[in-house]
N, C-alpha and C. Protein backbone atom coordinates (compact mmCIF):
# COMPACT_ATOMS: atom_id res chain seq x y z
N MET A 1 0.93 -1.21 0.00
CA MET A 1 0.07 0.04 -0.05
C MET A 1 0.85 1.25 -0.03
N THR A 2 0.57 2.15 -0.83
CA THR A 2 1.31 3.46 -0.81
C THR A 2 0.34 4.61 -0.32
N PHE A 3 0.88 5.38 0.40
CA PHE A 3 0.07 6.52 0.85
C PHE A 3 0.69 7.84 0.63
N ILE A 4 -0.03 8.84 0.29
CA ILE A 4 0.45 10.27 0.24
C ILE A 4 -0.17 10.96 1.44
N TYR A 5 0.64 11.61 2.12
CA TYR A 5 0.09 12.34 3.40
C TYR A 5 0.56 13.69 3.42
N LYS A 6 -0.04 14.35 4.33
CA LYS A 6 0.18 15.81 4.73
C LYS A 6 0.65 15.84 6.04
N ILE A 7 1.80 16.42 6.51
CA ILE A 7 2.05 16.74 7.79
C ILE A 7 1.87 18.12 8.01
N THR A 8 1.19 18.63 9.10
CA THR A 8 1.07 19.95 9.47
C THR A 8 1.82 20.17 10.73
N TYR A 9 2.64 21.18 10.71
CA TYR A 9 3.54 21.45 11.74
C TYR A 9 2.80 22.53 12.65
N SER A 10 3.53 22.65 14.00
CA SER A 10 2.82 23.72 14.82
C SER A 10 2.79 24.97 14.29
N ASN A 11 3.72 25.26 13.39
CA ASN A 11 3.72 26.73 12.77
C ASN A 11 2.81 26.80 11.71
N GLY A 12 1.98 25.81 11.38
CA GLY A 12 0.91 25.83 10.41
C GLY A 12 1.53 25.61 8.98
N LYS A 13 2.74 25.24 8.80
CA LYS A 13 3.34 24.91 7.37
C LYS A 13 3.05 23.41 7.39
N ILE A 14 3.04 23.12 6.04
CA ILE A 14 2.74 21.72 5.67
C ILE A 14 3.94 21.03 4.74
N TYR A 15 3.90 19.76 4.90
CA TYR A 15 4.78 18.91 3.98
C TYR A 15 3.98 17.86 3.35
N ILE A 16 4.18 17.63 2.17
CA ILE A 16 3.38 16.51 1.41
C ILE A 16 4.41 15.47 1.19
N GLY A 17 4.17 14.35 1.65
CA GLY A 17 5.13 13.10 1.41
C GLY A 17 4.47 11.85 1.08
N HIS A 18 5.21 10.77 0.81
CA HIS A 18 4.57 9.56 0.46
C HIS A 18 5.39 8.35 1.36
N ASP A 19 4.66 7.26 1.42
CA ASP A 19 5.21 6.11 2.20
C ASP A 19 4.76 4.87 1.65
N SER A 20 5.64 3.97 1.21
CA SER A 20 5.14 2.66 0.78
C SER A 20 5.76 1.59 1.55
N THR A 21 6.13 1.84 2.73
CA THR A 21 6.78 0.81 3.56
C THR A 21 5.93 0.24 4.53
N ASP A 22 4.49 0.74 4.59
CA ASP A 22 3.55 0.25 5.64
C ASP A 22 4.05 0.63 6.99
N LYS A 23 4.79 1.56 7.13
CA LYS A 23 5.17 2.10 8.41
C LYS A 23 4.68 3.58 8.45
N ILE A 24 3.42 3.74 8.25
CA ILE A 24 2.81 5.16 8.17
C ILE A 24 2.95 5.89 9.54
N ASN A 25 3.19 5.30 10.70
CA ASN A 25 3.38 6.04 11.86
C ASN A 25 4.90 6.14 12.21
N TYR A 26 5.72 6.64 11.23
CA TYR A 26 7.08 6.59 11.55
C TYR A 26 7.51 7.48 12.55
N PHE A 27 6.63 8.59 13.00
CA PHE A 27 7.01 9.29 14.07
C PHE A 27 5.88 9.32 14.97
N GLY A 28 6.18 9.87 16.22
CA GLY A 28 5.10 9.86 17.19
C GLY A 28 4.84 8.34 17.74
N SER A 29 3.76 8.28 18.58
CA SER A 29 3.53 6.92 19.16
C SER A 29 2.06 6.70 18.84
N ALA A 30 1.94 5.41 18.43
CA ALA A 30 0.52 4.82 18.18
C ALA A 30 -0.30 4.99 19.38
N SER A 31 0.29 4.81 20.48
CA SER A 31 -0.53 4.69 21.76
C SER A 31 -1.12 6.10 22.20
N THR A 32 -0.79 7.09 21.43
CA THR A 32 -1.40 8.46 21.69
C THR A 32 -2.91 8.47 21.62
N ASN A 33 -3.40 7.58 20.68
CA ASN A 33 -4.74 7.48 20.30
C ASN A 33 -5.20 8.98 19.70
N GLY A 34 -4.34 9.62 19.10
CA GLY A 34 -4.58 10.85 18.27
C GLY A 34 -4.43 12.04 19.02
N ASP A 35 -4.13 11.92 20.39
CA ASP A 35 -4.01 12.94 21.17
C ASP A 35 -2.58 13.66 21.07
N LEU A 36 -2.58 14.95 20.40
CA LEU A 36 -1.34 15.54 20.02
C LEU A 36 -1.06 16.68 20.99
N THR A 37 -0.01 16.78 21.33
CA THR A 37 0.55 17.94 22.13
C THR A 37 0.68 19.23 21.17
N PRO A 38 0.57 20.44 21.59
CA PRO A 38 0.58 21.62 20.80
C PRO A 38 1.71 21.65 19.79
N GLY A 39 2.97 21.15 20.16
CA GLY A 39 4.07 21.26 19.18
C GLY A 39 4.29 20.11 18.38
N GLN A 40 3.45 19.09 18.52
CA GLN A 40 3.72 17.84 17.81
C GLN A 40 3.01 18.03 16.46
N PRO A 41 3.68 17.37 15.37
CA PRO A 41 3.04 17.50 14.03
C PRO A 41 1.87 16.67 13.79
N ARG A 42 0.95 16.89 12.99
CA ARG A 42 -0.21 16.13 12.71
C ARG A 42 0.02 15.59 11.35
N LYS A 43 -0.50 14.32 11.22
CA LYS A 43 -0.31 13.46 9.85
C LYS A 43 -1.74 13.30 9.29
N GLU A 44 -1.88 13.48 8.08
CA GLU A 44 -3.29 13.24 7.54
C GLU A 44 -3.00 12.52 6.17
N ILE A 45 -3.78 11.36 6.00
CA ILE A 45 -3.56 10.73 4.74
C ILE A 45 -4.62 11.36 3.75
N LEU A 46 -3.89 11.71 2.62
CA LEU A 46 -4.56 12.45 1.51
C LEU A 46 -5.09 11.52 0.35
N TRP A 47 -4.25 10.42 0.20
CA TRP A 47 -4.48 9.43 -0.94
C TRP A 47 -3.87 8.13 -0.65
N GLU A 48 -4.42 7.04 -1.08
CA GLU A 48 -3.83 5.69 -0.99
C GLU A 48 -4.15 4.90 -1.97
N SER A 49 -3.18 3.96 -2.42
CA SER A 49 -3.36 2.95 -3.44
C SER A 49 -2.61 1.74 -3.23
N GLU A 50 -3.21 0.65 -3.59
CA GLU A 50 -2.47 -0.63 -3.58
C GLU A 50 -1.77 -1.06 -4.93
N THR A 51 -2.21 -0.35 -6.00
CA THR A 51 -1.73 -0.72 -7.31
C THR A 51 -1.02 0.25 -7.95
N ALA A 52 -0.77 1.52 -7.52
CA ALA A 52 -0.27 2.60 -8.21
C ALA A 52 1.19 2.30 -8.46
N THR A 53 1.59 2.60 -9.73
CA THR A 53 3.05 2.70 -10.17
C THR A 53 3.75 3.83 -9.43
N PRO A 54 5.17 3.74 -9.33
CA PRO A 54 5.98 5.03 -8.83
C PRO A 54 5.74 6.16 -9.61
N GLU A 55 5.44 6.18 -10.84
CA GLU A 55 5.04 7.24 -11.75
C GLU A 55 3.77 7.89 -11.41
N GLU A 56 2.73 6.98 -11.17
CA GLU A 56 1.41 7.48 -10.79
C GLU A 56 1.42 8.15 -9.38
N VAL A 57 2.24 7.64 -8.50
CA VAL A 57 2.41 8.17 -7.19
C VAL A 57 2.95 9.46 -7.17
N ALA A 58 4.10 9.62 -8.06
CA ALA A 58 4.74 10.88 -8.29
C ALA A 58 3.86 11.95 -8.90
N ARG A 59 3.04 11.57 -9.87
CA ARG A 59 2.23 12.53 -10.44
C ARG A 59 1.00 12.94 -9.42
N MET A 60 0.43 12.06 -8.70
CA MET A 60 -0.53 12.31 -7.74
C MET A 60 0.12 13.38 -6.56
N LYS A 61 1.26 12.98 -6.14
CA LYS A 61 1.94 13.74 -5.09
C LYS A 61 2.18 15.18 -5.62
N ASN A 62 2.69 15.35 -6.86
CA ASN A 62 2.96 16.66 -7.52
C ASN A 62 1.61 17.39 -7.65
N GLU A 63 0.48 16.63 -7.95
CA GLU A 63 -0.83 17.48 -8.01
C GLU A 63 -1.23 17.96 -6.64
N LEU A 64 -0.92 17.22 -5.56
CA LEU A 64 -1.36 17.62 -4.26
C LEU A 64 -0.46 18.72 -3.82
N ILE A 65 0.90 18.72 -4.05
CA ILE A 65 1.76 19.65 -3.68
C ILE A 65 1.37 20.97 -4.31
N LEU A 66 1.01 20.95 -5.65
CA LEU A 66 0.54 22.24 -6.22
C LEU A 66 -0.73 22.70 -5.68
N LYS A 67 -1.79 21.93 -5.62
CA LYS A 67 -3.16 22.16 -5.07
C LYS A 67 -2.89 22.98 -3.75
N LEU A 68 -2.22 22.22 -2.84
CA LEU A 68 -2.23 22.72 -1.49
C LEU A 68 -1.01 23.82 -1.35
N ARG A 69 -0.24 24.23 -2.42
CA ARG A 69 0.75 25.13 -2.44
C ARG A 69 1.94 24.74 -1.39
N ALA A 70 2.14 23.54 -1.22
CA ALA A 70 3.17 23.00 -0.23
C ALA A 70 4.66 23.51 -0.76
N ASN A 71 4.70 23.84 -1.94
CA ASN A 71 5.95 24.24 -2.61
C ASN A 71 6.20 25.79 -2.43
N ASP A 72 5.22 26.51 -1.99
CA ASP A 72 5.39 27.98 -1.64
C ASP A 72 5.96 28.09 -0.12
N PRO A 73 7.14 28.59 -0.01
CA PRO A 73 7.80 28.60 1.23
C PRO A 73 7.04 29.25 2.41
N SER A 74 6.06 30.11 2.02
CA SER A 74 5.18 30.77 3.19
C SER A 74 4.03 29.83 3.53
N VAL A 75 3.93 28.65 2.83
CA VAL A 75 2.75 27.64 3.15
C VAL A 75 3.45 26.22 3.54
N GLY A 76 4.52 25.88 2.89
CA GLY A 76 5.02 24.60 3.16
C GLY A 76 6.45 24.41 2.94
N TYR A 77 6.82 23.04 3.13
CA TYR A 77 8.25 22.69 3.12
C TYR A 77 8.72 21.95 1.79
N ASN A 78 7.90 21.55 0.95
CA ASN A 78 8.22 20.93 -0.23
C ASN A 78 8.91 21.89 -1.12
N ARG A 79 10.02 21.54 -1.72
CA ARG A 79 10.80 22.36 -2.68
C ARG A 79 10.93 21.94 -4.10
N ARG A 80 10.90 20.67 -4.32
CA ARG A 80 11.01 20.17 -5.56
C ARG A 80 10.01 19.11 -5.82
N LEU A 81 9.50 19.21 -7.03
CA LEU A 81 8.45 18.22 -7.59
C LEU A 81 9.21 16.98 -8.03
N LYS A 82 8.54 15.83 -7.87
CA LYS A 82 9.15 14.56 -8.30
C LYS A 82 8.84 14.48 -9.79
N SER A 83 9.68 13.96 -10.58
CA SER A 83 9.69 13.73 -12.00
C SER A 83 9.30 12.43 -12.49
N ASP A 84 9.96 11.37 -11.81
CA ASP A 84 9.54 10.04 -12.29
C ASP A 84 9.34 8.98 -11.23
N GLY A 85 8.81 9.49 -10.17
CA GLY A 85 8.66 8.43 -9.16
C GLY A 85 9.79 8.19 -8.18
N GLN A 86 10.81 8.97 -8.38
CA GLN A 86 11.96 9.07 -7.46
C GLN A 86 12.17 10.45 -7.00
N ASP A 87 12.39 10.70 -5.68
CA ASP A 87 12.71 12.00 -5.26
C ASP A 87 14.15 12.38 -5.62
N GLN A 88 14.49 13.63 -5.65
CA GLN A 88 15.81 14.27 -6.02
C GLN A 88 16.83 13.64 -5.24
N THR A 89 16.86 13.19 -4.04
CA THR A 89 17.94 12.71 -3.25
C THR A 89 18.13 11.31 -3.74
N THR A 90 17.10 10.39 -4.02
CA THR A 90 17.30 9.09 -4.46
C THR A 90 18.08 9.18 -5.84
N GLN A 91 17.61 10.08 -6.69
CA GLN A 91 18.22 10.13 -8.09
C GLN A 91 19.76 10.55 -7.76
N ARG A 92 20.02 11.54 -6.97
CA ARG A 92 21.43 12.03 -6.77
C ARG A 92 22.31 10.85 -6.30
N ASN A 93 21.81 10.14 -5.23
CA ASN A 93 22.59 8.96 -4.70
C ASN A 93 22.82 7.93 -5.73
N ARG A 94 21.81 7.64 -6.64
CA ARG A 94 22.00 6.59 -7.57
C ARG A 94 23.16 6.97 -8.56
N ARG A 95 23.18 8.39 -9.01
CA ARG A 95 24.16 8.85 -9.85
C ARG A 95 25.55 8.81 -9.32
N ARG A 96 25.65 9.13 -7.87
CA ARG A 96 26.91 8.98 -7.17
C ARG A 96 27.48 7.63 -7.14
N ARG A 97 26.59 6.66 -6.84
CA ARG A 97 27.02 5.20 -6.78
C ARG A 97 27.47 4.69 -8.24
N ALA A 98 26.81 5.20 -9.29
CA ALA A 98 27.11 4.94 -10.68
C ALA A 98 28.64 5.50 -10.98
N ASP A 99 28.89 6.57 -10.44
CA ASP A 99 30.22 7.31 -10.68
C ASP A 99 31.37 6.58 -9.91
N VAL A 100 30.97 5.85 -8.90
CA VAL A 100 32.16 5.10 -8.15
C VAL A 100 32.69 4.00 -9.07
N LYS A 101 33.99 4.07 -9.27
CA LYS A 101 34.61 3.03 -10.03
C LYS A 101 34.60 1.58 -9.45
N GLN A 102 34.16 0.59 -10.02
CA GLN A 102 34.25 -0.70 -9.45
C GLN A 102 35.70 -1.25 -9.70
N PRO A 103 36.17 -2.04 -8.67
CA PRO A 103 37.52 -2.64 -8.94
C PRO A 103 37.44 -3.76 -9.90
């Protein structure tokens, strides 16, 4: 299952992310039963799919980032849109590994 989520921080800014590891509660404690302290971020599932390809997930995530203006620094923390299902860090790391000469 792949999820696209919105995290809202205590300052009101948002971040749109995705998770396909089935560890949707990667922060906080599941035992809080939804009771958040004032400084704790809130996570909301915006979209989910069991069958979406990485490209479909990237397209939907981009749509939500633009719709919610999460790439506007006054609104959110997203800076780059995904182009092909991989975030910029993943692409950069793969290029670096490819550049390392094998013995």
